[in-house]
Protein backbone atom coordinates (compact mmCIF):
# COMPACT_ATOMS: atom_id res chain seq x y z
CA UNK A 1 -29.67 -16.64 22.16
CA UNK A 2 -28.40 -16.38 18.43
CA UNK A 3 -28.43 -19.66 16.71
CA UNK A 4 -26.89 -18.25 13.22
CA UNK A 5 -25.43 -15.13 11.52
CA UNK A 6 -27.82 -14.29 8.56
CA UNK A 7 -25.02 -14.71 5.64
CA UNK A 8 -24.92 -18.64 7.01
CA UNK A 9 -28.28 -19.87 6.03
CA UNK A 10 -28.54 -21.99 3.26
CA UNK A 11 -31.10 -24.62 2.06
CA UNK A 12 -29.98 -27.20 4.69
CA UNK A 13 -31.65 -25.01 7.29
CA UNK A 14 -35.12 -25.37 6.07
CA UNK A 15 -37.39 -26.45 8.64
CA UNK A 16 -35.12 -25.28 11.31
CA UNK A 17 -36.24 -22.57 13.83
CA UNK A 18 -33.44 -20.14 13.85
CA UNK A 19 -32.74 -16.80 16.16
CA UNK A 20 -31.13 -13.97 14.43
CA UNK A 21 -29.90 -10.41 15.49
CA UNK A 22 -29.07 -7.47 13.01
CA UNK A 23 -30.09 -4.44 10.98
CA UNK A 24 -33.03 -3.70 8.89
CA UNK A 25 -31.06 -3.11 5.81
CA UNK A 26 -34.50 -2.49 3.73
CA UNK A 27 -37.88 -2.85 4.18
CA UNK A 28 -40.81 -3.78 1.48
CA UNK A 29 -44.54 -3.88 1.65
CA UNK A 30 -46.02 -6.45 -1.15
CA UNK A 31 -49.89 -6.29 -0.85
CA UNK A 32 -49.73 -6.31 2.88
CA UNK A 33 -46.67 -8.80 3.41
CA UNK A 34 -43.86 -7.34 4.78
CA UNK A 35 -40.33 -8.35 3.30
CA UNK A 36 -37.37 -7.27 5.43
CA UNK A 37 -33.57 -7.74 4.48
CA UNK A 38 -32.12 -8.58 7.62
CA UNK A 39 -28.27 -7.55 7.63
CA UNK A 40 -25.13 -8.77 9.83
CA UNK A 41 -21.33 -8.89 9.22
CA UNK A 42 -21.96 -11.97 7.18
CA UNK A 43 -24.37 -10.98 4.76
CA UNK A 44 -28.20 -10.50 4.25
CA UNK A 45 -31.47 -12.91 4.51
CA UNK A 46 -34.78 -12.32 3.93
CA UNK A 47 -37.52 -11.98 6.64
CA UNK A 48 -41.06 -12.46 5.93
CA UNK A 49 -44.01 -11.37 8.15
CA UNK A 50 -47.39 -11.94 6.88
CA UNK A 51 -50.65 -11.11 8.65
CA UNK A 52 -52.29 -14.25 8.44
CA UNK A 53 -49.45 -16.59 8.76
CA UNK A 54 -47.13 -14.67 11.50
CA UNK A 55 -49.65 -12.28 12.88
CA UNK A 56 -47.27 -11.71 16.32
CA UNK A 57 -44.52 -10.39 14.27
CA UNK A 58 -46.28 -8.41 11.73
CA UNK A 59 -47.49 -5.26 13.67
CA UNK A 60 -43.40 -4.46 14.47
CA UNK A 61 -42.45 -5.38 11.13
CA UNK A 62 -44.61 -2.94 9.78
CA UNK A 63 -43.01 -0.23 11.64
CA UNK A 64 -39.51 -1.06 10.91
CA UNK A 65 -37.27 1.28 9.14
CA UNK A 66 -33.93 1.19 7.88
CA UNK A 67 -31.04 0.49 10.31
CA UNK A 68 -33.25 -0.52 13.10
CA UNK A 69 -31.70 -3.45 15.34
CA UNK A 70 -33.96 -6.19 15.57
CA UNK A 71 -33.98 -9.78 16.92
CA UNK A 72 -36.01 -12.15 14.83
CA UNK A 73 -37.27 -15.83 15.71
CA UNK A 74 -38.40 -17.56 12.89
CA UNK A 75 -38.71 -20.64 10.59
CA UNK A 76 -36.44 -21.01 7.60
CA UNK A 77 -38.28 -22.01 4.55
CA UNK A 78 -37.86 -22.29 1.08
CA UNK A 79 -38.32 -19.34 -1.30
CA UNK A 80 -41.04 -19.83 -4.21
CA UNK A 81 -39.27 -20.49 -7.51
CA UNK A 82 -40.31 -17.00 -8.77
CA UNK A 83 -38.48 -15.43 -5.99
CA UNK A 84 -35.08 -17.29 -5.61
CA UNK A 85 -32.28 -14.76 -5.58
CA UNK A 86 -28.98 -16.49 -7.08
CA UNK A 87 -27.01 -13.22 -6.47
CA UNK A 88 -27.24 -14.05 -2.60
CA UNK A 89 -25.71 -16.79 -0.83
CA UNK A 90 -28.93 -16.92 1.10
CA UNK A 91 -30.78 -16.70 -1.90
CA UNK A 92 -32.77 -19.88 -1.70
CA UNK A 93 -34.23 -19.50 1.78
CA UNK A 94 -36.37 -16.73 3.76
CA UNK A 95 -37.05 -16.65 7.43
CA UNK A 96 -40.95 -16.54 8.31
CA UNK A 97 -40.74 -14.44 11.65
CA UNK A 98 -42.78 -15.70 14.56
CA UNK A 99 -41.49 -12.86 16.56
CA UNK A 100 -39.63 -9.75 16.11
CA UNK A 101 -38.08 -7.94 19.10
CA UNK A 102 -37.03 -4.21 18.17
CA UNK A 103 -33.76 -3.60 20.20
CA UNK A 104 -33.08 -0.05 19.04
CA UNK A 105 -34.39 2.37 16.71
CA UNK A 106 -32.81 5.03 14.65
CA UNK A 107 -33.74 8.25 16.14
CA UNK A 108 -32.34 10.78 13.40
CA UNK A 109 -31.78 10.92 9.99
CA UNK A 110 -29.40 8.97 8.49
CA UNK A 111 -26.38 11.03 6.96
CA UNK A 112 -26.23 8.61 4.01
CA UNK A 113 -28.08 5.15 3.09
CA UNK A 114 -26.25 1.95 4.69
CA UNK A 115 -28.51 -0.34 2.56
CA UNK A 116 -26.54 -2.85 0.38
CA UNK A 117 -29.42 -1.73 -2.00
CA UNK A 118 -28.08 1.77 -2.23
CA UNK A 119 -25.65 2.57 -4.98
CA UNK A 120 -25.13 6.22 -4.79
CA UNK A 121 -21.54 7.60 -4.13
CA UNK A 122 -21.09 8.91 -0.78
CA UNK A 123 -18.38 11.38 -0.22
CA UNK A 124 -15.04 10.38 1.80
CA UNK A 125 -15.13 12.99 4.34
CA UNK A 126 -18.82 11.83 5.05
CA UNK A 127 -17.93 8.22 5.37
CA UNK A 128 -15.22 9.08 7.62
CA UNK A 129 -17.13 11.37 9.69
CA UNK A 130 -19.49 8.67 10.05
CA UNK A 131 -17.31 5.62 10.20
CA UNK A 132 -19.37 3.27 12.26
CA UNK A 133 -22.18 3.96 9.69
CA UNK A 134 -19.54 3.09 7.00
CA UNK A 135 -18.26 0.07 8.39
CA UNK A 136 -21.64 -1.42 8.15
CA UNK A 137 -21.89 -1.13 4.55
CA UNK A 138 -21.25 -3.90 2.40
CA UNK A 139 -17.82 -2.52 0.85
CA UNK A 140 -16.17 -2.04 4.14
CA UNK A 141 -17.33 -4.86 5.70
CA UNK A 142 -15.94 -6.71 3.34
CA UNK A 143 -12.68 -5.24 3.20
CA UNK A 144 -12.28 -5.72 7.15
CA UNK A 145 -13.13 -9.58 6.89
CA UNK A 146 -10.26 -9.51 4.15
CA UNK A 147 -8.12 -7.63 6.43
CA UNK A 148 -9.00 -10.40 9.15
CA UNK A 149 -8.32 -13.21 7.04
CA UNK A 150 -5.09 -12.07 6.09
CA UNK A 151 -3.78 -11.68 9.01
CA UNK A 152 -5.08 -14.97 10.30
CA UNK A 153 -3.54 -16.52 7.40
CA UNK A 154 -0.17 -14.61 8.30
CA UNK A 155 -0.31 -16.23 11.81
CA UNK A 156 -0.94 -19.79 10.71
CA UNK A 157 1.59 -19.72 8.16
CA UNK A 158 4.35 -18.28 10.27
CA UNK A 159 3.64 -20.04 13.66
CA UNK A 160 2.01 -23.44 12.62
CA UNK A 161 4.67 -24.06 9.60
CA UNK A 162 7.63 -22.30 10.25
CA UNK A 163 8.16 -22.12 14.17
CA UNK A 164 8.13 -18.02 14.31
CA UNK A 165 6.77 -16.63 17.63
CA UNK A 166 5.19 -13.53 18.41
CA UNK A 167 6.86 -10.87 20.66
CA UNK A 168 5.61 -7.48 21.20
CA UNK A 169 8.18 -4.71 21.32
CA UNK A 170 7.63 -1.13 22.91
CA UNK A 171 5.55 1.78 21.68
CA UNK A 172 7.09 4.29 24.05
CA UNK A 173 10.59 4.37 22.80
CA UNK A 174 13.72 6.42 21.69
CA UNK A 175 13.87 9.13 19.26
CA UNK A 176 16.60 8.30 16.54
CA UNK A 177 18.08 10.39 13.74
CA UNK A 178 17.46 8.52 10.53
CA UNK A 179 14.07 8.07 8.59
CA UNK A 180 11.14 10.12 8.57
CA UNK A 181 9.92 12.59 11.49
CA UNK A 182 9.12 10.76 14.56
CA UNK A 183 5.96 11.49 16.53
CA UNK A 184 7.07 12.56 20.08
CA UNK A 185 5.66 12.28 23.59
CA UNK A 186 6.83 14.26 26.36
CA UNK A 187 7.73 12.37 29.62
CA UNK A 188 5.88 13.83 32.70
CA UNK A 189 8.06 11.87 35.19
CA UNK A 190 11.54 13.10 33.30
CA UNK A 191 10.80 16.69 32.70
CA UNK A 192 12.20 17.76 29.48
CA UNK A 193 12.62 14.51 28.10
CA UNK A 194 10.43 12.63 25.48
CA UNK A 195 9.57 9.48 23.92
CA UNK A 196 8.93 8.67 20.37
CA UNK A 197 6.33 6.28 18.77
CA UNK A 198 8.33 3.83 16.78
CA UNK A 199 8.74 4.13 13.01
CA UNK A 200 9.37 0.42 13.13
CA UNK A 201 10.46 -2.23 15.60
CA UNK A 202 13.76 -2.26 13.85
CA UNK A 203 16.47 -1.96 16.94
CA UNK A 204 14.14 -4.22 18.94
CA UNK A 205 13.90 -7.12 16.73
CA UNK A 206 17.62 -7.10 16.12
CA UNK A 207 18.00 -7.19 19.64
CA UNK A 208 15.63 -10.20 19.84
CA UNK A 209 18.18 -12.02 17.56
CA UNK A 210 20.71 -11.38 19.95
CA UNK A 211 18.58 -12.87 22.68
CA UNK A 212 18.26 -15.97 20.73
CA UNK A 213 14.53 -15.52 19.38
CA UNK A 214 15.93 -16.85 16.47
CA UNK A 215 12.38 -16.59 14.30
CA UNK A 216 10.44 -13.62 15.48
CA UNK A 217 7.44 -11.87 13.82
CA UNK A 218 4.56 -9.11 15.01
CA UNK A 219 1.72 -7.50 13.74
CA UNK A 220 3.06 -4.00 14.78
CA UNK A 221 1.87 -0.53 14.91
CA UNK A 222 4.05 1.88 13.78
CA UNK A 223 3.90 5.67 13.45
CA UNK A 224 5.58 8.31 10.90
CA UNK A 225 5.19 12.06 10.97
CA UNK A 226 5.13 12.61 7.28
CA UNK A 227 3.25 14.20 4.38
CA UNK A 228 0.61 11.52 3.19
CA UNK A 229 -0.70 10.38 0.09
CA UNK A 230 -3.34 7.64 -1.16
CA UNK A 231 -1.42 4.66 0.25
CA UNK A 232 0.15 6.26 3.47
CA UNK A 233 -0.99 6.89 6.86
CA UNK A 234 0.50 8.55 9.98
CA UNK A 235 -0.14 5.20 12.09
CA UNK A 236 -0.02 2.18 10.18
CA UNK A 237 0.11 -1.83 10.34
CA UNK A 238 3.24 -3.81 9.22
CA UNK A 239 3.91 -7.54 9.17
CA UNK A 240 7.45 -7.41 10.91
CA UNK A 241 9.63 -10.37 10.74
CA UNK A 242 13.46 -11.05 11.66
CA UNK A 243 15.49 -14.35 11.11
CA UNK A 244 18.67 -15.70 12.35
CA UNK A 245 21.10 -17.86 10.79
CA UNK A 246 19.74 -17.41 7.29
CA UNK A 247 20.98 -16.06 4.20
CA UNK A 248 19.15 -13.87 1.58
CA UNK A 249 18.00 -16.92 -0.64
CA UNK A 250 16.53 -18.76 2.30
CA UNK A 251 14.58 -15.65 3.47
CA UNK A 252 13.17 -15.04 -0.13
CA UNK A 253 12.33 -18.49 -0.33
CA UNK A 254 10.37 -18.48 3.09
CA UNK A 255 8.63 -15.11 2.30
CA UNK A 256 7.66 -16.31 -1.14
CA UNK A 257 5.87 -19.39 0.71
CA UNK A 258 4.42 -17.12 2.79
CA UNK A 259 2.94 -14.75 0.39
CA UNK A 260 1.86 -17.78 -2.01
CA UNK A 261 -0.42 -19.00 1.19
CA UNK A 262 -2.04 -15.69 1.51
CA UNK A 263 -2.74 -15.29 -2.14
CA UNK A 264 -4.24 -19.08 -2.23
CA UNK A 265 -6.06 -18.46 1.24
CA UNK A 266 -7.71 -14.96 0.13
CA UNK A 267 -8.10 -15.17 -3.63
CA UNK A 268 -7.63 -18.53 -4.58
CA UNK A 269 -4.63 -17.67 -6.66
CA UNK A 270 -1.58 -20.56 -6.84
CA UNK A 271 1.47 -18.17 -7.41
CA UNK A 272 4.33 -19.50 -9.47
CA UNK A 273 7.53 -19.83 -7.73
CA UNK A 274 10.36 -18.84 -7.45
CA UNK A 275 9.46 -15.18 -8.09
CA UNK A 276 11.31 -13.39 -10.82
CA UNK A 277 14.29 -11.33 -9.45
CA UNK A 278 15.83 -7.98 -10.95
CA UNK A 279 18.51 -6.01 -9.45
CA UNK A 280 17.99 -2.29 -8.48
CA UNK A 281 20.07 -1.43 -11.63
CA UNK A 282 18.21 -3.73 -13.96
CA UNK A 283 15.10 -2.31 -12.67
CA UNK A 284 15.96 1.34 -12.89
CA UNK A 285 17.29 0.91 -16.76
CA UNK A 286 14.24 -1.05 -17.85
CA UNK A 287 11.49 0.90 -16.19
CA UNK A 288 12.56 3.73 -14.33
CA UNK A 289 11.41 2.50 -11.38
CA UNK A 290 12.77 0.25 -8.39
CA UNK A 291 8.85 -1.00 -8.27
CA UNK A 292 8.01 -1.70 -11.61
CA UNK A 293 4.60 -3.01 -12.92
CA UNK A 294 5.86 -5.97 -15.09
CA UNK A 295 2.35 -7.11 -16.13
CA UNK A 296 2.90 -5.08 -19.63
CA UNK A 297 5.83 -4.00 -21.57
CA UNK A 298 6.96 -0.34 -22.66
CA UNK A 299 10.28 -0.85 -21.36
CA UNK A 300 12.73 1.94 -21.63
CA UNK A 301 15.86 2.26 -23.95
CA UNK A 302 18.95 3.79 -22.75
CA UNK A 303 20.43 5.44 -25.92
CA UNK A 304 23.06 7.87 -24.08
CA UNK A 305 26.22 6.62 -25.92
CA UNK A 306 24.20 6.85 -29.47
CA UNK A 307 23.57 10.30 -28.94
CA UNK A 308 25.83 11.86 -26.48
CA UNK A 309 27.85 13.94 -29.53
CA UNK A 310 24.35 14.73 -31.09
CA UNK A 311 24.11 18.39 -32.49
CA UNK A 312 20.75 18.70 -30.90
CA UNK A 313 22.07 20.36 -27.71
CA UNK A 314 19.33 18.91 -25.59
CA UNK A 315 20.60 15.47 -25.89
CA UNK A 316 24.40 16.21 -25.94
CA UNK A 317 24.42 18.79 -23.41
CA UNK A 318 22.40 16.18 -20.96
CA UNK A 319 25.19 13.50 -21.12
CA UNK A 320 27.96 16.46 -21.00
CA UNK A 321 26.51 17.11 -17.55
CA UNK A 322 26.38 13.67 -16.01
CA UNK A 323 22.77 12.89 -17.19
CA UNK A 324 21.30 10.29 -19.66
CA UNK A 325 18.84 10.16 -22.76
CA UNK A 326 16.29 7.45 -22.53
CA UNK A 327 13.38 6.58 -24.63
CA UNK A 328 9.99 5.23 -24.02
CA UNK A 329 8.71 3.40 -27.05
CA UNK A 330 4.90 3.07 -27.48
CA UNK A 331 3.68 0.64 -30.30
CA UNK A 332 0.63 2.05 -31.73
CA UNK A 333 1.35 5.44 -29.85
CA UNK A 334 1.13 7.41 -33.38
CA UNK A 335 -2.67 7.11 -33.58
CA UNK A 336 -3.88 7.93 -30.12
CA UNK A 337 -1.02 10.50 -29.03
CA UNK A 338 -1.02 13.61 -30.66
CA UNK A 339 1.69 16.55 -30.89
CA UNK A 340 -0.36 18.88 -28.50
CA UNK A 341 -0.40 16.32 -25.82
CA UNK A 342 3.50 16.38 -25.76
CA UNK A 343 4.02 20.06 -25.94
CA UNK A 344 3.75 22.66 -23.29
CA UNK A 345 0.28 22.72 -22.07
CA UNK A 346 -0.75 18.87 -22.89
CA UNK A 347 -1.50 16.15 -20.50
CA UNK A 348 1.67 14.18 -21.32
CA UNK A 349 3.98 17.34 -20.89
CA UNK A 350 2.47 18.03 -17.81
CA UNK A 351 2.86 14.17 -16.35
CA UNK A 352 6.72 14.60 -17.19
CA UNK A 353 7.04 18.16 -16.13
CA UNK A 354 5.50 17.19 -12.57
CA UNK A 355 8.45 14.98 -12.30
CA UNK A 356 11.16 17.68 -12.90
CA UNK A 357 11.42 17.04 -16.97
CA UNK A 358 11.85 20.34 -18.65
CA UNK A 359 10.34 19.09 -21.97
CA UNK A 360 9.51 16.25 -23.92
CA UNK A 361 11.15 15.34 -27.58
CA UNK A 362 9.51 12.66 -29.53
CA UNK A 363 10.39 10.85 -33.03
CA UNK A 364 7.28 9.08 -34.86
CA UNK A 365 7.97 5.77 -36.93
CA UNK A 366 6.36 6.17 -40.19
CA UNK A 367 6.01 3.25 -43.05
CA UNK A 368 9.25 2.17 -44.57
CA UNK A 369 11.26 3.14 -41.23
CA UNK A 370 11.07 6.70 -42.15
CA UNK A 371 10.79 9.22 -38.92
CA UNK A 372 8.84 12.23 -38.34
CA UNK A 373 9.87 14.81 -35.58
CA UNK A 374 11.00 18.30 -35.30
CA UNK A 375 13.56 19.71 -37.64
CA UNK A 376 16.17 20.30 -34.65
CA UNK A 377 16.63 16.58 -33.95
CA UNK A 378 15.63 15.21 -37.42
CA UNK A 379 18.48 17.55 -38.99
CA UNK A 380 21.23 16.14 -36.41
CA UNK A 381 20.28 12.75 -36.63
CA UNK A 382 22.78 10.52 -39.03
CA UNK A 383 21.13 7.14 -40.72
CA UNK A 384 23.15 5.25 -38.35
CA UNK A 385 21.94 6.48 -35.15
CA UNK A 386 18.44 6.56 -36.40
CA UNK A 387 18.76 2.70 -37.26
CA UNK A 388 20.28 1.89 -33.76
CA UNK A 389 17.59 3.81 -31.92
CA UNK A 390 14.68 1.99 -34.07
CA UNK A 391 16.81 -1.33 -33.11
CA UNK A 392 17.10 -0.79 -29.55
CA UNK A 393 13.74 0.39 -29.11
CA UNK A 394 12.03 -2.28 -31.29
CA UNK A 395 10.07 0.54 -33.29
CA UNK A 396 7.82 -0.72 -35.87
CA UNK A 397 5.54 1.81 -38.08
CA UNK A 398 3.05 3.36 -35.86
CA UNK A 399 5.58 3.37 -32.77
CA UNK A 400 5.98 6.73 -30.89
CA UNK A 401 9.15 7.39 -29.15
CA UNK A 402 9.42 9.72 -26.15
CA UNK A 403 12.55 11.01 -25.08
CA UNK A 404 13.60 11.89 -21.56
CA UNK A 405 17.04 13.84 -21.22
CA UNK A 406 18.49 15.17 -18.20
CA UNK A 407 19.64 14.40 -14.57
CA UNK A 408 19.03 10.36 -14.42
CA UNK A 409 16.54 10.55 -11.95
CA UNK A 410 14.25 13.25 -13.51
CA UNK A 411 14.62 11.09 -16.52
CA UNK A 412 13.66 7.88 -14.49
CA UNK A 413 10.77 9.44 -12.92
CA UNK A 414 9.49 11.29 -15.71
CA UNK A 415 9.43 8.35 -17.98
CA UNK A 416 8.20 6.10 -15.19
CA UNK A 417 5.22 8.10 -14.68
CA UNK A 418 4.52 8.68 -18.64
CA UNK A 419 4.85 4.57 -18.89
CA UNK A 420 2.01 4.26 -16.25
CA UNK A 421 -0.33 6.61 -17.55
CA UNK A 422 -0.16 5.41 -21.16
CA UNK A 423 -0.25 1.87 -20.04
CA UNK A 424 -3.68 2.69 -18.43
CA UNK A 425 -4.96 4.79 -21.11
CA UNK A 426 -4.10 1.75 -23.92
CA UNK A 427 -5.35 -0.50 -21.28
CA UNK A 428 -2.16 -2.63 -21.61
CA UNK A 429 -2.73 -3.57 -18.23
CA UNK A 430 -4.47 -7.08 -17.62
CA UNK A 431 -6.50 -6.53 -14.39
CA UNK A 432 -6.46 -10.11 -13.25
CA UNK A 433 -3.12 -10.94 -13.78
CA UNK A 434 -0.52 -10.84 -10.54
CA UNK A 435 2.86 -10.41 -10.78
CA UNK A 436 5.20 -10.45 -7.97
CA UNK A 437 9.01 -10.07 -8.16
CA UNK A 438 12.12 -9.31 -5.84
CA UNK A 439 14.46 -6.28 -6.46
CA UNK A 440 18.04 -6.69 -5.13
CA UNK A 441 21.15 -5.08 -4.57
CA UNK A 442 19.71 -1.77 -3.51
CA UNK A 443 22.58 0.98 -3.42
CA UNK A 444 23.61 1.44 0.34
CA UNK A 445 23.42 5.09 0.43
CA UNK A 446 21.61 8.26 -1.48
CA UNK A 447 22.89 11.75 -1.40
CA UNK A 448 20.98 14.25 0.65
CA UNK A 449 21.36 17.43 -1.30
CA UNK A 450 19.97 19.26 1.69
CA UNK A 451 22.16 18.36 4.29
CA UNK A 452 25.36 17.52 1.89
CA UNK A 453 25.86 14.14 2.94
CA UNK A 454 25.19 10.38 2.22
CA UNK A 455 22.51 8.65 4.26
CA UNK A 456 21.21 5.07 3.92
CA UNK A 457 18.73 4.24 1.33
CA UNK A 458 17.17 1.88 3.65
CA UNK A 459 18.74 2.18 7.27
CA UNK A 460 21.78 2.22 8.70
CA UNK A 461 21.66 -1.34 9.88
CA UNK A 462 21.55 -2.93 6.32
CA UNK A 463 24.68 -5.05 5.55
CA UNK A 464 26.76 -3.89 2.46
CA UNK A 465 27.41 -6.66 -0.24
CA UNK A 466 30.37 -8.62 0.92
CA UNK A 467 32.27 -7.52 -2.43
CA UNK A 468 31.71 -3.62 -2.13
CA UNK A 469 33.06 -3.80 1.71
CA UNK A 470 36.40 -1.87 0.36
CA UNK A 471 34.41 1.31 -0.54
CA UNK A 472 31.13 1.68 1.47
CA UNK A 473 30.08 4.92 -0.33
CA UNK A 474 29.25 3.18 -3.52
CA UNK A 475 28.36 -0.28 -2.06
CA UNK A 476 25.46 -2.11 -2.92
CA UNK A 477 23.25 -3.46 0.02
CA UNK A 478 21.95 -7.22 0.67
CA UNK A 479 18.67 -5.53 0.75
CA UNK A 480 15.47 -6.54 -1.05
CA UNK A 481 11.84 -5.25 -1.82
CA UNK A 482 8.94 -7.45 -2.88
CA UNK A 483 6.86 -5.67 -5.75
CA UNK A 484 3.11 -6.62 -6.48
CA UNK A 485 1.66 -5.22 -9.76
CA UNK A 486 4.19 -1.92 -9.18
CA UNK A 487 3.36 -1.35 -5.48
CA UNK A 488 6.17 -2.12 -2.71
CA UNK A 489 4.42 -4.93 -0.64
CA UNK A 490 7.58 -4.87 1.62
CA UNK A 491 11.32 -4.57 2.07
CA UNK A 492 14.00 -6.02 4.20
CA UNK A 493 17.74 -6.87 4.13
CA UNK A 494 20.35 -8.73 6.15
CA UNK A 495 21.62 -6.90 8.89
CA UNK A 496 25.24 -5.81 9.87
CA UNK A 497 26.08 -7.74 13.07
CA UNK A 498 29.54 -6.83 13.53
CA UNK A 499 30.47 -3.76 15.60
CA UNK A 500 33.11 -2.81 13.50
CA UNK A 501 31.28 -2.68 10.03
CA UNK A 502 28.34 -1.15 12.02
CA UNK A 503 30.58 1.73 12.82
CA UNK A 504 32.04 2.10 9.59
CA UNK A 505 28.44 2.84 8.27
CA UNK A 506 27.89 5.49 10.70
CA UNK A 507 31.03 7.16 9.73
CA UNK A 508 29.74 7.05 6.14
CA UNK A 509 26.50 8.96 7.02
CA UNK A 510 28.40 11.33 9.15
CA UNK A 511 27.46 9.94 12.50
CA UNK A 512 30.99 9.86 14.53
CA UNK A 513 31.68 7.31 17.54
CA UNK A 514 30.54 9.58 20.23
CA UNK A 515 27.26 10.47 18.48
CA UNK A 516 26.80 6.62 17.64
CA UNK A 517 27.23 5.49 21.29
CA UNK A 518 24.91 8.30 22.20
CA UNK A 519 22.03 7.52 19.97
CA UNK A 520 22.59 3.53 19.49
CA UNK A 521 24.66 2.26 22.43
CA UNK A 522 22.75 -0.18 23.62
CA UNK A 523 22.71 -1.84 20.03
CA UNK A 524 26.45 -1.49 19.92
CA UNK A 525 26.80 -3.15 23.14
CA UNK A 526 24.96 -5.96 22.49
CA UNK A 527 26.71 -6.81 19.37
CA UNK A 528 29.74 -7.23 21.65
CA UNK A 529 28.18 -10.35 23.26
CA UNK A 530 27.70 -12.80 20.60
CA UNK A 531 25.15 -11.65 17.81
CA UNK A 532 24.03 -14.20 15.25
CA UNK A 533 23.75 -13.38 11.68
CA UNK A 534 20.40 -12.21 10.85
CA UNK A 535 18.15 -10.68 8.54
CA UNK A 536 14.45 -9.79 8.18
CA UNK A 537 11.61 -8.14 6.26
CA UNK A 538 8.43 -5.97 6.82
CA UNK A 539 5.52 -5.73 4.96
CA UNK A 540 2.85 -3.06 4.70
CA UNK A 541 -0.45 -4.97 6.02
CA UNK A 542 -2.63 -1.82 5.07
CA UNK A 543 -1.30 -1.46 1.52
CA UNK A 544 -1.43 -5.38 1.05
CA UNK A 545 -5.17 -5.42 2.23
CA UNK A 546 -5.96 -2.35 -0.11
CA UNK A 547 -4.35 -4.22 -3.02
CA UNK A 548 -6.24 -7.60 -2.51
CA UNK A 549 -9.39 -6.00 -1.74
CA UNK A 550 -9.05 -3.96 -5.03
CA UNK A 551 -9.17 -0.67 -3.60
CA UNK A 552 -7.30 2.43 -4.59
CA UNK A 553 -7.14 4.27 -1.51
CA UNK A 554 -5.40 2.58 1.88
CA UNK A 555 -8.25 4.50 3.80
CA UNK A 556 -10.42 1.71 2.53
CA UNK A 557 -8.25 -0.82 4.07
CA UNK A 558 -8.06 0.44 7.94
CA UNK A 559 -11.47 0.56 10.28
CA UNK A 560 -10.65 4.11 11.40
CA UNK A 561 -8.13 5.92 9.17
CA UNK A 562 -6.88 9.45 9.05
CA UNK A 563 -7.40 12.11 6.22
CA UNK A 564 -4.59 13.30 4.14
CA UNK A 565 -4.50 16.01 6.84
CA UNK A 566 -3.56 13.74 9.08
CA UNK A 567 -7.04 14.30 10.73
CA UNK A 568 -9.56 12.02 12.32
CA UNK A 569 -12.76 13.30 11.24
CA UNK A 570 -14.75 10.98 13.32
CA UNK A 571 -13.21 11.96 16.84
CA UNK A 572 -11.69 15.54 15.32
CA UNK A 573 -8.00 14.44 16.46
CA UNK A 574 -5.82 15.83 17.08
CA UNK A 575 -7.48 18.65 19.34
CA UNK A 576 -6.28 20.97 21.82
CA UNK A 577 -5.37 20.20 25.38
CA UNK A 578 -5.97 21.86 28.65
CA UNK A 579 -3.18 24.02 29.63
CA UNK A 580 -2.94 22.11 33.17
CA UNK A 581 -1.79 19.03 30.85
CA UNK A 582 0.74 21.20 29.13
CA UNK A 583 2.03 22.26 32.42
CA UNK A 584 2.45 19.04 33.98
CA UNK A 585 4.71 17.91 30.93
CA UNK A 586 6.46 21.30 31.00
CA UNK A 587 5.62 21.90 27.44
CA UNK A 588 4.30 25.06 26.11
CA UNK A 589 3.14 25.79 22.23
CA UNK A 590 4.99 28.21 20.10
CA UNK A 591 2.24 28.13 17.24
CA UNK A 592 0.52 31.16 16.08
CA UNK A 593 -2.34 30.97 14.14
CA UNK A 594 -1.73 32.95 10.83
CA UNK A 595 -3.12 36.36 10.57
CA UNK A 596 -6.34 36.07 8.37
CA UNK A 597 -6.19 40.06 7.83
CA UNK A 598 -2.85 39.48 5.82
């Protein structure tokens, strides 16, 4: 039987006989003495096989190669002073192997080196194809441990300290008309009908509040058939929570305590509380984003009122068309950002254009408050306008002012992306700083131009702000997002629990009473039987792991992720199925492969 894991051995184990299992991470032959770095999920310890001192193990040790699976029995000894390894937690000890048993060998060439000593980068497609090998490597093994510890900390806090109970909700459920595309599952026993995989447990957790559960949580698997990015997957894990008889302040306070517990357990960081709060309107005004990174400045300044009558038609035309004019001030920007980078073909121009901007206007502030820009702007600026621009942006000599003019959403998006890119370039982002803040008071609805209707910004079960119920079309929602260093960690809201208000929301998004009853009749019926006030929140576990592990891709926070093409390279899924299976489901494919000749 195993007595210890490799990474557990310390100086206090010296003299003990231990039994270890693991993989040969690396083998070295030093003058006839064989050294093996034995690895398991906890770490590495050095094994020594000496032809004189441990002759029974030497023959096998001499034959071992990387990734062979072995059992080692031996005595823990103190390393000689010249071979102590302070970089390893086990660096004071080594195991003299009385016996080594080869449990399994590697029978083919490794597609890449697994050893912790190998620092060569491996292509991601190769890592995903042989994920079981990738998960043995130090980086991914560490990430899985972090993921486990995060979920462990969440469970202990919610269950042991706050009285939550975990309830599992269905995976096979009903397709809903709002949100991203559903993954559909045809029903064999109900021909022509389909289940959907849940995008979230939203409706069921609200029904649990009707059921009197009061404080629910779940580590929930969710599915969305949407285009992917570095921090999105078609199947993902979220911490789902719902609470009865709690207002927004109480929910935010509880969740701040939860995040403080997780950050302390995983990173040893004491988060200052309460977390700062910004309304959605404030965040968009100051940063152009509803998930701003507040570790650095570069705040935007709105100058629409100053330039609305400017003779420079790009500015005045933007305001007259219902748009805005904003400035991104960059202290010291004159020194590092040339005109070439701002003009068409430049890298900063491209960043803005990718967000929909048609161009980038600029002003350079020189010594004595003088400005330098193109003639069309300079000739149409009065001294008073210039002074107001400099005052609002806090510009000093050397400051570069980048302008966005046009539709509000385009200006905000383009300046937000520029702000992030320039902050990275200028190394303005303190990497060891942790900023968490709440964004509150989101709009209830946004305009869907394709369908020419309003749709819920979050979901149609979000409660409107009590002050705004007279006109839901322009109402704020009692909704909140938690933002961590520019990433949305989670979001939630107080829920609608009165049937009449719920129907008003459905009416606003174009869902009449008959359609609402067809889609959500079970929920509306439940609301007739004594529903408590309630609210909740959901966190992206994969994203939280990614950020706390210091990774840039969510795929490195998941054991078996999909690619950006929503494929599993390990199992080659999705794949075709037999015609017999389709017939049983009354399903036929209409897909026609593209004609390669054309």
